[in-house]
Amino acid sequence: AFYACWDLSSVEFGRYLDTLGESAFDQCNSLETVKMPVVRRIGQRAFQDTAISEFDIPLGCEVVEGCAFSGCQSLARLSMPLKEGMIQDRAFIGCPRLVHIDLIGSVHDFVASLHLKEWRNEAKFEMGRINHVLPLSGERTDKTTAIREWIQSVLEKMEHYKVEHY
């Protein structure tokens, strides 16, 4: 839709976006700001080679397809829900500055509701671990694998606490 719109610097979507299609903003190398309160699917290469430095994946997002953010050299911070299988292969390849992820959604309420302080501390540590791992991963590395492994680890930890609680 906006492939290679080199002068496009910001985009704001309304509340009725379902799918952001393949290569929608690919090669928009001046695109720095995106406000997207709702989206179910972010397509392949949707933001490839843009100048986005921060991005909020909406709570209702189900899939971030492969190479969605590939080559985003400025992308440093990401906020996202904790969902298994949401991040597909190579979604964050070529994002050397990506070093911080914040989780959004009910995961924080879940952690706060844990009965044992030790569990709450362990859960918080696991949730923040990615912010220690990403800065150590090489600039040429595909950070997608580290993110996917971390998501799985956090979800397994949450499931463990549920079982232990009951």
Protein backbone atom coordinates (compact mmCIF):
# COMPACT_ATOMS: atom_id res chain seq x y z
CA ALA A 1 0.00 0.00 0.00
CA PHE A 2 2.76 2.46 0.96
CA TYR A 3 5.78 0.58 -0.33
CA ALA A 4 8.81 2.88 -0.62
CA CYS A 5 7.04 6.10 0.42
CA TRP A 6 10.34 7.66 1.41
CA ASP A 7 8.88 10.88 2.84
CA LEU A 8 6.28 9.20 5.07
CA SER A 9 7.33 9.83 8.68
CA SER A 10 4.34 8.86 10.82
CA VAL A 11 1.18 6.78 10.62
CA GLU A 12 -1.81 6.58 12.95
CA PHE A 13 -4.45 3.91 12.51
CA GLY A 14 -8.00 3.90 13.84
CA ARG A 15 -9.61 1.16 15.88
CA TYR A 16 -10.80 -1.01 12.97
CA LEU A 17 -7.61 -2.45 11.50
CA ASP A 18 -7.63 -6.24 11.22
CA THR A 19 -4.63 -7.05 9.06
CA LEU A 20 -1.64 -5.00 8.06
CA GLY A 21 -0.73 -6.59 4.75
CA GLU A 22 2.51 -7.87 3.34
CA SER A 23 5.11 -5.14 2.65
CA ALA A 24 2.61 -2.42 3.63
CA PHE A 25 5.35 0.02 4.71
CA ASP A 26 8.37 -1.84 3.35
CA GLN A 27 11.21 0.52 2.39
CA CYS A 28 9.56 3.57 4.01
CA ASN A 29 12.94 4.57 5.37
CA SER A 30 11.68 7.83 6.95
CA LEU A 31 8.84 6.15 8.88
CA GLU A 32 9.61 6.71 12.57
CA THR A 33 6.26 6.66 14.38
CA VAL A 34 3.38 4.20 14.13
CA LYS A 35 0.31 4.29 16.36
CA MET A 36 -1.73 1.15 15.93
CA PRO A 37 -4.19 0.52 18.78
CA VAL A 38 -5.69 -2.58 17.15
CA VAL A 39 -4.47 -5.19 14.69
CA ARG A 40 -4.86 -8.94 14.54
CA ARG A 41 -2.10 -9.72 12.04
CA ILE A 42 1.08 -7.89 10.99
CA GLY A 43 2.10 -9.20 7.58
CA GLN A 44 5.46 -10.25 6.18
CA ARG A 45 7.89 -7.38 5.72
CA ALA A 46 5.17 -4.93 6.84
CA PHE A 47 7.72 -2.56 8.40
CA GLN A 48 10.92 -3.83 6.77
CA ASP A 49 13.67 -1.22 6.51
CA THR A 50 11.80 1.57 8.31
CA ALA A 51 13.22 4.03 10.87
CA ILE A 52 10.90 2.95 13.70
CA SER A 53 12.66 3.13 17.07
CA GLU A 54 9.77 1.97 19.30
CA PHE A 55 6.78 -0.18 18.50
CA ASP A 56 3.73 -1.29 20.48
CA ILE A 57 2.29 -4.59 19.31
CA PRO A 58 -1.39 -4.34 20.31
CA LEU A 59 -2.85 -6.69 22.89
CA GLY A 60 -5.18 -8.31 20.34
CA CYS A 61 -2.41 -9.13 17.88
CA GLU A 62 -2.28 -12.85 17.07
CA VAL A 63 0.58 -13.01 14.55
CA VAL A 64 3.68 -11.04 13.63
CA GLU A 65 4.71 -12.69 10.38
CA GLY A 66 8.22 -13.40 9.17
CA CYS A 67 10.51 -10.47 8.45
CA ALA A 68 7.81 -8.03 9.63
CA PHE A 69 10.48 -5.77 11.16
CA SER A 70 13.57 -7.01 9.33
CA GLY A 71 16.21 -4.39 8.72
CA CYS A 72 14.74 -1.93 11.23
CA GLN A 73 18.14 -0.60 12.26
CA SER A 74 16.66 1.93 14.72
CA LEU A 75 14.20 -0.38 16.50
CA ALA A 76 15.29 -0.38 20.14
CA ARG A 77 12.15 -0.95 22.22
CA LEU A 78 9.14 -3.19 21.79
CA SER A 79 6.03 -3.68 23.89
CA MET A 80 3.99 -6.79 23.28
CA PRO A 81 1.54 -9.28 24.74
CA LEU A 82 2.77 -12.67 25.91
CA LYS A 83 1.37 -15.16 23.38
CA GLU A 84 2.74 -18.47 22.25
CA GLY A 85 3.34 -18.69 18.51
CA MET A 86 2.69 -15.01 17.87
CA ILE A 87 6.20 -14.19 16.61
CA GLN A 88 7.09 -16.01 13.40
CA ASP A 89 10.54 -16.82 12.02
CA ARG A 90 12.89 -13.94 11.24
CA ALA A 91 10.43 -11.26 12.38
CA PHE A 92 13.27 -9.25 13.99
CA ILE A 93 16.27 -10.11 11.85
CA GLY A 94 18.55 -7.16 11.21
CA CYS A 95 17.43 -5.19 14.28
CA PRO A 96 20.79 -4.64 16.02
CA ARG A 97 19.52 -2.00 18.45
CA LEU A 98 16.57 -4.03 19.75
CA VAL A 99 17.49 -4.39 23.41
CA HIS A 100 14.30 -3.86 25.43
CA ILE A 101 10.90 -5.56 25.53
CA ASP A 102 8.02 -4.67 27.83
CA LEU A 103 5.16 -7.09 28.33
CA ILE A 104 1.59 -5.79 28.23
CA GLY A 105 -1.65 -7.36 29.33
CA SER A 106 -2.84 -9.52 32.18
CA VAL A 107 0.51 -11.23 32.79
CA HIS A 108 1.32 -8.54 35.34
CA ASP A 109 -1.95 -9.18 37.21
CA PHE A 110 -1.16 -12.89 37.22
CA VAL A 111 2.27 -12.30 38.75
CA ALA A 112 0.87 -9.92 41.35
CA SER A 113 -1.70 -12.57 42.36
CA LEU A 114 0.92 -15.26 43.09
CA HIS A 115 0.73 -16.22 46.76
CA LEU A 116 4.42 -16.75 47.43
CA LYS A 117 6.82 -13.82 47.27
CA GLU A 118 9.47 -16.19 45.91
CA TRP A 119 7.21 -17.03 42.96
CA ARG A 120 6.51 -13.36 42.27
CA ASN A 121 10.24 -12.57 42.29
CA GLU A 122 11.08 -15.53 40.04
CA ALA A 123 8.33 -14.58 37.60
CA LYS A 124 9.44 -10.94 37.47
CA PHE A 125 13.02 -12.04 36.91
CA GLU A 126 12.01 -14.35 34.06
CA MET A 127 9.85 -11.66 32.47
CA GLY A 128 12.76 -9.20 32.55
CA ARG A 129 15.43 -11.67 31.49
CA ILE A 130 15.02 -10.83 27.80
CA ASN A 131 16.28 -7.31 28.52
CA HIS A 132 19.58 -8.81 29.64
CA VAL A 133 19.78 -11.30 26.76
CA LEU A 134 19.04 -9.01 23.81
CA PRO A 135 21.89 -6.52 24.44
CA LEU A 136 24.34 -9.44 24.53
CA SER A 137 23.19 -10.96 21.26
CA GLY A 138 25.32 -9.99 18.31
CA GLU A 139 24.36 -7.24 15.89
CA ARG A 140 24.09 -9.69 13.01
CA THR A 141 21.98 -12.15 14.97
CA ASP A 142 18.32 -12.80 14.36
CA LYS A 143 16.83 -11.70 17.68
CA THR A 144 13.60 -13.50 16.84
CA THR A 145 14.90 -16.81 18.18
CA ALA A 146 15.84 -15.30 21.55
CA ILE A 147 12.44 -13.62 21.81
CA ARG A 148 10.53 -16.79 20.93
CA GLU A 149 12.55 -18.89 23.41
CA TRP A 150 11.96 -16.29 26.12
CA ILE A 151 8.20 -16.22 25.47
CA GLN A 152 8.10 -20.00 25.78
CA SER A 153 10.12 -19.90 28.99
CA VAL A 154 7.86 -17.31 30.61
CA LEU A 155 4.73 -19.21 29.60
CA GLU A 156 6.16 -22.45 31.01
CA LYS A 157 6.99 -20.67 34.28
CA MET A 158 3.43 -19.31 34.49
CA GLU A 159 1.98 -22.77 33.85
CA HIS A 160 4.23 -24.21 36.55
CA TYR A 161 2.89 -21.69 39.06
CA LYS A 162 -0.70 -22.50 38.10
CA VAL A 163 -0.09 -26.22 38.69
CA GLU A 164 1.68 -25.59 41.96
CA HIS A 165 -1.09 -23.28 43.12
CA TYR A 166 -3.81 -25.87 42.55
